[in-house]
PDB file of N, CA and C in Angstrom:
ATOM      1  N   UNK A   1     132.928 269.094 -32.471  1.00  0.00           N
ATOM      2  CA  UNK A   1     134.147 269.440 -31.783  1.00  0.00           C
ATOM      3  C   UNK A   1     134.255 270.956 -31.625  1.00  0.00           C
ATOM      4  N   UNK A   2     133.897 271.714 -32.675  1.00  0.00           N
ATOM      5  CA  UNK A   2     133.970 273.169 -32.573  1.00  0.00           C
ATOM      6  C   UNK A   2     133.046 273.697 -31.486  1.00  0.00           C
ATOM      7  N   UNK A   3     131.886 273.098 -31.336  1.00  0.00           N
ATOM      8  CA  UNK A   3     130.943 273.513 -30.286  1.00  0.00           C
ATOM      9  C   UNK A   3     131.571 273.324 -28.907  1.00  0.00           C
ATOM     10  N   UNK A   4     132.234 272.188 -28.677  1.00  0.00           N
ATOM     11  CA  UNK A   4     132.871 271.936 -27.377  1.00  0.00           C
ATOM     12  C   UNK A   4     133.988 272.943 -27.121  1.00  0.00           C
ATOM     13  N   UNK A   5     134.737 273.278 -28.165  1.00  0.00           N
ATOM     14  CA  UNK A   5     135.796 274.277 -28.016  1.00  0.00           C
ATOM     15  C   UNK A   5     135.186 275.613 -27.624  1.00  0.00           C
ATOM     16  N   UNK A   6     134.154 276.022 -28.313  1.00  0.00           N
ATOM     17  CA  UNK A   6     133.487 277.292 -28.023  1.00  0.00           C
ATOM     18  C   UNK A   6     132.969 277.308 -26.589  1.00  0.00           C
ATOM     19  N   UNK A   7     132.320 276.232 -26.183  1.00  0.00           N
ATOM     20  CA  UNK A   7     131.752 276.169 -24.833  1.00  0.00           C
ATOM     21  C   UNK A   7     132.824 276.194 -23.749  1.00  0.00           C
ATOM     22  N   UNK A   8     134.026 275.715 -24.056  1.00  0.00           N
ATOM     23  CA  UNK A   8     135.084 275.663 -23.049  1.00  0.00           C
ATOM     24  C   UNK A   8     135.849 276.980 -22.914  1.00  0.00           C
ATOM     25  N   UNK A   9     135.641 277.897 -23.832  1.00  0.00           N
ATOM     26  CA  UNK A   9     136.353 279.177 -23.785  1.00  0.00           C
ATOM     27  C   UNK A   9     135.685 280.139 -22.816  1.00  0.00           C
ATOM     28  N   UNK A  10     136.468 281.069 -22.235  1.00  0.00           N
ATOM     29  CA  UNK A  10     135.849 282.081 -21.378  1.00  0.00           C
ATOM     30  C   UNK A  10     134.878 282.936 -22.183  1.00  0.00           C
ATOM     31  N   UNK A  11     133.877 283.482 -21.492  1.00  0.00           N
ATOM     32  CA  UNK A  11     132.871 284.289 -22.177  1.00  0.00           C
ATOM     33  C   UNK A  11     133.450 285.554 -22.793  1.00  0.00           C
ATOM     34  N   UNK A  12     134.498 286.072 -22.221  1.00  0.00           N
ATOM     35  CA  UNK A  12     135.129 287.265 -22.770  1.00  0.00           C
ATOM     36  C   UNK A  12     136.541 286.913 -23.219  1.00  0.00           C
ATOM     37  N   UNK A  13     136.924 287.404 -24.345  1.00  0.00           N
ATOM     38  CA  UNK A  13     138.267 287.225 -24.898  1.00  0.00           C
ATOM     39  C   UNK A  13     138.567 285.802 -25.339  1.00  0.00           C
ATOM     40  N   UNK A  14     137.564 284.964 -25.504  1.00  0.00           N
ATOM     41  CA  UNK A  14     137.793 283.624 -26.021  1.00  0.00           C
ATOM     42  C   UNK A  14     138.046 283.685 -27.523  1.00  0.00           C
ATOM     43  N   UNK A  15     139.100 282.998 -27.976  1.00  0.00           N
ATOM     44  CA  UNK A  15     139.480 283.036 -29.383  1.00  0.00           C
ATOM     45  C   UNK A  15     139.771 281.618 -29.865  1.00  0.00           C
ATOM     46  N   UNK A  16     139.334 281.321 -31.073  1.00  0.00           N
ATOM     47  CA  UNK A  16     139.641 280.052 -31.720  1.00  0.00           C
ATOM     48  C   UNK A  16     140.565 280.314 -32.895  1.00  0.00           C
ATOM     49  N   UNK A  17     141.625 279.541 -32.999  1.00  0.00           N
ATOM     50  CA  UNK A  17     142.552 279.605 -34.139  1.00  0.00           C
ATOM     51  C   UNK A  17     142.508 278.265 -34.855  1.00  0.00           C
ATOM     52  N   UNK A  18     142.222 278.303 -36.133  1.00  0.00           N
ATOM     53  CA  UNK A  18     142.188 277.082 -36.933  1.00  0.00           C
ATOM     54  C   UNK A  18     143.210 277.240 -38.049  1.00  0.00           C
ATOM     55  N   UNK A  19     144.219 276.388 -38.040  1.00  0.00           N
ATOM     56  CA  UNK A  19     145.218 276.390 -39.108  1.00  0.00           C
ATOM     57  C   UNK A  19     144.816 275.319 -40.110  1.00  0.00           C
ATOM     58  N   UNK A  20     144.712 275.719 -41.364  1.00  0.00           N
ATOM     59  CA  UNK A  20     144.187 274.804 -42.373  1.00  0.00           C
ATOM     60  C   UNK A  20     144.760 275.136 -43.744  1.00  0.00           C
ATOM     61  N   UNK A  21     144.845 274.133 -44.591  1.00  0.00           N
ATOM     62  CA  UNK A  21     145.157 274.344 -46.001  1.00  0.00           C
ATOM     63  C   UNK A  21     143.823 274.515 -46.702  1.00  0.00           C
ATOM     64  N   UNK A  22     143.386 275.744 -46.850  1.00  0.00           N
ATOM     65  CA  UNK A  22     142.058 276.033 -47.386  1.00  0.00           C
ATOM     66  C   UNK A  22     142.035 276.022 -48.908  1.00  0.00           C
ATOM     67  N   UNK A  23     140.941 275.513 -49.439  1.00  0.00           N
ATOM     68  CA  UNK A  23     140.691 275.640 -50.873  1.00  0.00           C
ATOM     69  C   UNK A  23     140.224 277.062 -51.167  1.00  0.00           C
ATOM     70  N   UNK A  24     140.386 277.487 -52.409  1.00  0.00           N
ATOM     71  CA  UNK A  24     139.826 278.775 -52.806  1.00  0.00           C
ATOM     72  C   UNK A  24     138.310 278.645 -52.904  1.00  0.00           C
ATOM     73  N   UNK A  25     137.620 279.768 -53.091  1.00  0.00           N
ATOM     74  CA  UNK A  25     136.152 279.747 -53.107  1.00  0.00           C
ATOM     75  C   UNK A  25     135.579 278.922 -54.257  1.00  0.00           C
ATOM     76  N   UNK A  26     136.341 278.751 -55.332  1.00  0.00           N
ATOM     77  CA  UNK A  26     135.881 277.950 -56.473  1.00  0.00           C
ATOM     78  C   UNK A  26     136.155 276.467 -56.270  1.00  0.00           C
ATOM     79  N   UNK A  27     136.883 276.124 -55.212  1.00  0.00           N
ATOM     80  CA  UNK A  27     137.281 274.743 -54.888  1.00  0.00           C
ATOM     81  C   UNK A  27     138.167 274.134 -55.973  1.00  0.00           C
ATOM     82  N   UNK A  28     138.968 274.963 -56.640  1.00  0.00           N
ATOM     83  CA  UNK A  28     139.845 274.480 -57.710  1.00  0.00           C
ATOM     84  C   UNK A  28     141.314 274.489 -57.313  1.00  0.00           C
ATOM     85  N   UNK A  29     141.661 274.950 -56.186  1.00  0.00           N
ATOM     86  CA  UNK A  29     143.056 275.045 -55.770  1.00  0.00           C
ATOM     87  C   UNK A  29     143.137 275.842 -54.495  1.00  0.00           C
ATOM     88  N   UNK A  30     144.324 276.183 -54.126  1.00  0.00           N
ATOM     89  CA  UNK A  30     145.613 275.904 -54.732  1.00  0.00           C
ATOM     90  C   UNK A  30     145.949 274.411 -54.702  1.00  0.00           C
ATOM     91  N   UNK A  31     146.998 274.058 -55.402  1.00  0.00           N
ATOM     92  CA  UNK A  31     147.327 272.647 -55.620  1.00  0.00           C
ATOM     93  C   UNK A  31     147.532 271.875 -54.308  1.00  0.00           C
ATOM     94  N   UNK A  32     148.357 272.342 -53.348  1.00  0.00           N
ATOM     95  CA  UNK A  32     148.556 271.519 -52.142  1.00  0.00           C
ATOM     96  C   UNK A  32     147.260 271.171 -51.395  1.00  0.00           C
ATOM     97  N   UNK A  33     146.362 272.136 -51.125  1.00  0.00           N
ATOM     98  CA  UNK A  33     145.115 271.741 -50.469  1.00  0.00           C
ATOM     99  C   UNK A  33     144.244 270.822 -51.328  1.00  0.00           C
ATOM    100  N   UNK A  34     144.225 271.034 -52.632  1.00  0.00           N
ATOM    101  CA  UNK A  34     143.423 270.179 -53.510  1.00  0.00           C
ATOM    102  C   UNK A  34     143.941 268.744 -53.488  1.00  0.00           C
ATOM    103  N   UNK A  35     145.253 268.565 -53.546  1.00  0.00           N
ATOM    104  CA  UNK A  35     145.824 267.219 -53.500  1.00  0.00           C
ATOM    105  C   UNK A  35     145.626 266.570 -52.141  1.00  0.00           C
ATOM    106  N   UNK A  36     145.715 267.351 -51.080  1.00  0.00           N
ATOM    107  CA  UNK A  36     145.468 266.819 -49.740  1.00  0.00           C
ATOM    108  C   UNK A  36     144.026 266.346 -49.624  1.00  0.00           C
ATOM    109  N   UNK A  37     143.098 267.143 -50.162  1.00  0.00           N
ATOM    110  CA  UNK A  37     141.697 266.745 -50.150  1.00  0.00           C
ATOM    111  C   UNK A  37     141.466 265.456 -50.917  1.00  0.00           C
ATOM    112  N   UNK A  38     142.137 265.307 -52.045  1.00  0.00           N
ATOM    113  CA  UNK A  38     142.020 264.077 -52.829  1.00  0.00           C
ATOM    114  C   UNK A  38     142.553 262.884 -52.048  1.00  0.00           C
ATOM    115  N   UNK A  39     143.701 263.050 -51.400  1.00  0.00           N
ATOM    116  CA  UNK A  39     144.279 261.966 -50.602  1.00  0.00           C
ATOM    117  C   UNK A  39     143.361 261.588 -49.443  1.00  0.00           C
ATOM    118  N   UNK A  40     142.749 262.581 -48.809  1.00  0.00           N
ATOM    119  CA  UNK A  40     141.811 262.281 -47.720  1.00  0.00           C
ATOM    120  C   UNK A  40     140.612 261.504 -48.247  1.00  0.00           C
ATOM    121  N   UNK A  41     140.121 261.895 -49.412  1.00  0.00           N
ATOM    122  CA  UNK A  41     138.964 261.215 -50.000  1.00  0.00           C
ATOM    123  C   UNK A  41     139.275 259.749 -50.292  1.00  0.00           C
ATOM    124  N   UNK A  42     140.492 259.462 -50.731  1.00  0.00           N
ATOM    125  CA  UNK A  42     140.880 258.086 -51.028  1.00  0.00           C
ATOM    126  C   UNK A  42     140.910 257.264 -49.739  1.00  0.00           C
ATOM    127  N   UNK A  43     141.466 257.836 -48.661  1.00  0.00           N
ATOM    128  CA  UNK A  43     141.571 257.120 -47.390  1.00  0.00           C
ATOM    129  C   UNK A  43     140.261 257.111 -46.606  1.00  0.00           C
ATOM    130  N   UNK A  44     139.572 258.226 -46.606  1.00  0.00           N
ATOM    131  CA  UNK A  44     138.323 258.377 -45.856  1.00  0.00           C
ATOM    132  C   UNK A  44     137.315 259.096 -46.741  1.00  0.00           C
ATOM    133  N   UNK A  45     136.368 258.404 -47.325  1.00  0.00           N
ATOM    134  CA  UNK A  45     135.438 259.049 -48.258  1.00  0.00           C
ATOM    135  C   UNK A  45     134.722 260.279 -47.697  1.00  0.00           C
ATOM    136  N   UNK A  46     134.571 260.362 -46.357  1.00  0.00           N
ATOM    137  CA  UNK A  46     133.926 261.536 -45.781  1.00  0.00           C
ATOM    138  C   UNK A  46     134.919 262.675 -45.526  1.00  0.00           C
ATOM    139  N   UNK A  47     136.214 262.424 -45.693  1.00  0.00           N
ATOM    140  CA  UNK A  47     137.238 263.445 -45.468  1.00  0.00           C
ATOM    141  C   UNK A  47     137.389 264.367 -46.669  1.00  0.00           C
ATOM    142  N   UNK A  48     137.662 265.645 -46.412  1.00  0.00           N
ATOM    143  CA  UNK A  48     137.867 266.603 -47.490  1.00  0.00           C
ATOM    144  C   UNK A  48     138.446 267.891 -46.934  1.00  0.00           C
ATOM    145  N   UNK A  49     138.848 268.773 -47.799  1.00  0.00           N
ATOM    146  CA  UNK A  49     139.290 270.108 -47.411  1.00  0.00           C
ATOM    147  C   UNK A  49     138.113 271.072 -47.502  1.00  0.00           C
ATOM    148  N   UNK A  50     138.207 272.141 -46.741  1.00  0.00           N
ATOM    149  CA  UNK A  50     137.152 273.149 -46.710  1.00  0.00           C
ATOM    150  C   UNK A  50     137.661 274.451 -47.312  1.00  0.00           C
ATOM    151  N   UNK A  51     136.731 275.356 -47.603  1.00  0.00           N
ATOM    152  CA  UNK A  51     137.125 276.690 -48.021  1.00  0.00           C
ATOM    153  C   UNK A  51     136.662 277.678 -46.956  1.00  0.00           C
ATOM    154  N   UNK A  52     137.191 278.893 -47.008  1.00  0.00           N
ATOM    155  CA  UNK A  52     137.005 279.870 -45.938  1.00  0.00           C
ATOM    156  C   UNK A  52     135.541 280.096 -45.576  1.00  0.00           C
ATOM    157  N   UNK A  53     134.675 280.259 -46.538  1.00  0.00           N
ATOM    158  CA  UNK A  53     133.266 280.545 -46.245  1.00  0.00           C
ATOM    159  C   UNK A  53     132.616 279.414 -45.441  1.00  0.00           C
ATOM    160  N   UNK A  54     132.975 278.171 -45.718  1.00  0.00           N
ATOM    161  CA  UNK A  54     132.411 277.044 -44.968  1.00  0.00           C
ATOM    162  C   UNK A  54     132.834 277.084 -43.502  1.00  0.00           C
ATOM    163  N   UNK A  55     134.121 277.302 -43.277  1.00  0.00           N
ATOM    164  CA  UNK A  55     134.629 277.349 -41.903  1.00  0.00           C
ATOM    165  C   UNK A  55     134.038 278.549 -41.170  1.00  0.00           C
ATOM    166  N   UNK A  56     133.957 279.683 -41.847  1.00  0.00           N
ATOM    167  CA  UNK A  56     133.367 280.881 -41.237  1.00  0.00           C
ATOM    168  C   UNK A  56     131.922 280.637 -40.831  1.00  0.00           C
ATOM    169  N   UNK A  57     131.165 279.972 -41.687  1.00  0.00           N
ATOM    170  CA  UNK A  57     129.769 279.667 -41.371  1.00  0.00           C
ATOM    171  C   UNK A  57     129.663 278.743 -40.164  1.00  0.00           C
ATOM    172  N   UNK A  58     130.526 277.719 -40.109  1.00  0.00           N
ATOM    173  CA  UNK A  58     130.524 276.816 -38.963  1.00  0.00           C
ATOM    174  C   UNK A  58     130.798 277.577 -37.674  1.00  0.00           C
ATOM    175  N   UNK A  59     131.796 278.447 -37.710  1.00  0.00           N
ATOM    176  CA  UNK A  59     132.149 279.217 -36.520  1.00  0.00           C
ATOM    177  C   UNK A  59     131.044 280.183 -36.117  1.00  0.00           C
ATOM    178  N   UNK A  60     130.441 280.848 -37.084  1.00  0.00           N
ATOM    179  CA  UNK A  60     129.347 281.786 -36.807  1.00  0.00           C
ATOM    180  C   UNK A  60     128.154 281.057 -36.194  1.00  0.00           C
ATOM    181  N   UNK A  61     127.845 279.886 -36.715  1.00  0.00           N
ATOM    182  CA  UNK A  61     126.692 279.118 -36.235  1.00  0.00           C
ATOM    183  C   UNK A  61     126.815 278.710 -34.767  1.00  0.00           C
ATOM    184  N   UNK A  62     128.040 278.564 -34.272  1.00  0.00           N
ATOM    185  CA  UNK A  62     128.207 278.119 -32.885  1.00  0.00           C
ATOM    186  C   UNK A  62     128.558 279.251 -31.927  1.00  0.00           C
ATOM    187  N   UNK A  63     128.648 280.481 -32.428  1.00  0.00           N
ATOM    188  CA  UNK A  63     128.819 281.597 -31.510  1.00  0.00           C
ATOM    189  C   UNK A  63     130.087 282.412 -31.639  1.00  0.00           C
ATOM    190  N   UNK A  64     130.817 282.250 -32.721  1.00  0.00           N
ATOM    191  CA  UNK A  64     131.996 283.094 -32.935  1.00  0.00           C
ATOM    192  C   UNK A  64     131.621 284.264 -33.842  1.00  0.00           C
ATOM    193  N   UNK A  65     132.379 285.345 -33.738  1.00  0.00           N
ATOM    194  CA  UNK A  65     132.144 286.517 -34.577  1.00  0.00           C
ATOM    195  C   UNK A  65     133.483 287.119 -34.971  1.00  0.00           C
ATOM    196  N   UNK A  66     133.434 288.160 -35.767  1.00  0.00           N
ATOM    197  CA  UNK A  66     134.663 288.827 -36.234  1.00  0.00           C
ATOM    198  C   UNK A  66     135.661 287.813 -36.771  1.00  0.00           C
ATOM    199  N   UNK A  67     135.204 286.964 -37.649  1.00  0.00           N
ATOM    200  CA  UNK A  67     136.035 285.890 -38.188  1.00  0.00           C
ATOM    201  C   UNK A  67     136.919 286.459 -39.281  1.00  0.00           C
ATOM    202  N   UNK A  68     138.190 286.139 -39.191  1.00  0.00           N
ATOM    203  CA  UNK A  68     139.141 286.641 -40.177  1.00  0.00           C
ATOM    204  C   UNK A  68     140.075 285.526 -40.626  1.00  0.00           C
ATOM    205  N   UNK A  69     140.627 285.695 -41.799  1.00  0.00           N
ATOM    206  CA  UNK A  69     141.564 284.731 -42.370  1.00  0.00           C
ATOM    207  C   UNK A  69     142.888 285.448 -42.580  1.00  0.00           C
ATOM    208  N   UNK A  70     143.970 284.805 -42.153  1.00  0.00           N
ATOM    209  CA  UNK A  70     145.303 285.368 -42.339  1.00  0.00           C
ATOM    210  C   UNK A  70     146.220 284.305 -42.944  1.00  0.00           C
ATOM    211  N   UNK A  71     147.085 284.729 -43.853  1.00  0.00           N
ATOM    212  CA  UNK A  71     148.000 283.754 -44.459  1.00  0.00           C
ATOM    213  C   UNK A  71     149.105 283.355 -43.482  1.00  0.00           C
ATOM    214  N   UNK A  72     149.557 282.132 -43.621  1.00  0.00           N
ATOM    215  CA  UNK A  72     150.733 281.642 -42.927  1.00  0.00           C
ATOM    216  C   UNK A  72     151.760 281.270 -43.983  1.00  0.00           C
ATOM    217  N   UNK A  73     152.923 280.863 -43.578  1.00  0.00           N
ATOM    218  CA  UNK A  73     153.951 280.446 -44.523  1.00  0.00           C
ATOM    219  C   UNK A  73     153.488 279.193 -45.258  1.00  0.00           C
ATOM    220  N   UNK A  74     153.761 279.148 -46.543  1.00  0.00           N
ATOM    221  CA  UNK A  74     153.364 277.993 -47.351  1.00  0.00           C
ATOM    222  C   UNK A  74     151.888 278.065 -47.697  1.00  0.00           C
ATOM    223  N   UNK A  75     151.262 276.919 -47.907  1.00  0.00           N
ATOM    224  CA  UNK A  75     149.857 276.943 -48.321  1.00  0.00           C
ATOM    225  C   UNK A  75     148.876 277.108 -47.159  1.00  0.00           C
ATOM    226  N   UNK A  76     149.373 277.104 -45.938  1.00  0.00           N
ATOM    227  CA  UNK A  76     148.474 277.163 -44.783  1.00  0.00           C
ATOM    228  C   UNK A  76     147.953 278.576 -44.535  1.00  0.00           C
ATOM    229  N   UNK A  77     146.784 278.622 -43.934  1.00  0.00           N
ATOM    230  CA  UNK A  77     146.180 279.877 -43.502  1.00  0.00           C
ATOM    231  C   UNK A  77     145.607 279.644 -42.114  1.00  0.00           C
ATOM    232  N   UNK A  78     145.362 280.708 -41.385  1.00  0.00           N
ATOM    233  CA  UNK A  78     144.741 280.587 -40.077  1.00  0.00           C
ATOM    234  C   UNK A  78     143.427 281.362 -40.104  1.00  0.00           C
ATOM    235  N   UNK A  79     142.405 280.752 -39.521  1.00  0.00           N
ATOM    236  CA  UNK A  79     141.108 281.395 -39.370  1.00  0.00           C
ATOM    237  C   UNK A  79     140.939 281.702 -37.895  1.00  0.00           C
ATOM    238  N   UNK A  80     140.635 282.944 -37.599  1.00  0.00           N
ATOM    239  CA  UNK A  80     140.514 283.414 -36.215  1.00  0.00           C
ATOM    240  C   UNK A  80     139.050 283.786 -35.972  1.00  0.00           C
ATOM    241  N   UNK A  81     138.487 283.228 -34.926  1.00  0.00           N
ATOM    242  CA  UNK A  81     137.127 283.551 -34.524  1.00  0.00           C
ATOM    243  C   UNK A  81     137.100 283.983 -33.075  1.00  0.00           C
ATOM    244  N   UNK A  82     136.404 285.049 -32.775  1.00  0.00           N
ATOM    245  CA  UNK A  82     136.287 285.567 -31.416  1.00  0.00           C
ATOM    246  C   UNK A  82     134.927 285.162 -30.848  1.00  0.00           C
ATOM    247  N   UNK A  83     134.943 284.619 -29.629  1.00  0.00           N
ATOM    248  CA  UNK A  83     133.701 284.178 -29.018  1.00  0.00           C
ATOM    249  C   UNK A  83     132.828 285.381 -28.681  1.00  0.00           C
ATOM    250  N   UNK A  84     131.546 285.250 -28.992  1.00  0.00           N
ATOM    251  CA  UNK A  84     130.600 286.321 -28.671  1.00  0.00           C
ATOM    252  C   UNK A  84     130.383 286.359 -27.171  1.00  0.00           C
ATOM    253  N   UNK A  85     130.296 287.552 -26.636  1.00  0.00           N
ATOM    254  CA  UNK A  85     130.031 287.709 -25.204  1.00  0.00           C
ATOM    255  C   UNK A  85     128.570 287.392 -24.940  1.00  0.00           C
ATOM    256  N   UNK A  86     128.309 286.724 -23.841  1.00  0.00           N
ATOM    257  CA  UNK A  86     126.930 286.353 -23.483  1.00  0.00           C
ATOM    258  C   UNK A  86     126.257 287.470 -22.723  1.00  0.00           C
TER     259      UNK A  86
END
């Protein structure tokens, strides 16, 4: 899905915003994302929460750069990736 999003963006100034309840790098918390990940695992064994480095790697692999993470209200954060110019 991320690849299709990247391909659909303009070559210049294309930006992806991903709002997510990210786990910390140790995958031990914070509590809301950890509990959400557990609930997803119970309903869908392949479902889980991600941490920033994983999402950044996914975005980099498909052509985004200058990836940054910014906090939002509550446990959510936003990851911003800028499409590389061709």
